[in-house]
Amino acid sequence: MSPKTPKPGKIECRPAQPEDASLSSRLIFNTFPKMATYVIGLGDDRRARRLLKEIFGIQGHRLSYEFTEMICEDGNIVGLFITYPGHEVTRLGWQMARLILKQYRFAGKIKVIQRSLSLIFIQEAASDEYLLSNLVLKKSARNRGLRAQVLPYIEEKARGAGFHKLSLMVDINNRDAKSFYERHGFTVKAMHLESNPRVRHLGPGYLQMVKTLQK
């Protein structure tokens, strides 16, 4: 007989702090390992993790502790999520790009720009949408219903910020994520396909999913 799945404990969320960088950077990397390795690490996953750790404690960019909340179960960190208004995505993205570019010499800077240029044309969220940029749980905390418990908290955070639409992106091949969000009221708004040369590094593309929140 297989062991029973442990019931979820008490879930709480707290603002991240710079000292959460070590764990947070590993979790953030797991939300987009292919993209992080290819663009941020220029093919080196360890370098990508290191850079994510270094910039986590800096304010003003899209993967900063400033926009991150730690998910805790019975007081223990089991995951995190990152959110911000859709109208801030471009500005925060450029600030992150600036920090990443500072880590490379000239040739590396050119590669980062080349590999990230097409991302400019992907609209992750409209100006009237709140973006759930990253949501991740530790492996030990998955498949126990925790993600479903966290979603209402995120939705309330969006409403508290004055938004009534919540947007997110999932990989086209991630059918489990797509099904999960569809079960919780999200619908596919747009599809963004990667160019053929990039598919082998990043996969076929992404789905933008949006949920209209009750007022």
Foldseek 3Di string as FASTA:
>chain_A
DDDDQDAFADKDKDQFALVCLLVLLVFQCVQAVLLLCVQLVVNDSVSSSVLSSVCQNPPQAQNHSRQKMFMDTVRHTFWIWGKDALVCHVRRHVVSLVSSLVVDDDVSNVSNCVSCVVVVPDRQDDRQEMEGEGIGGHPSPPPNCVVVVCVVVVCVVCVVVPHFKYKYKDAPPPVVVVVVVVVVAKDFDDWDADDPVCCVRRNGGMTMIMHGHDD
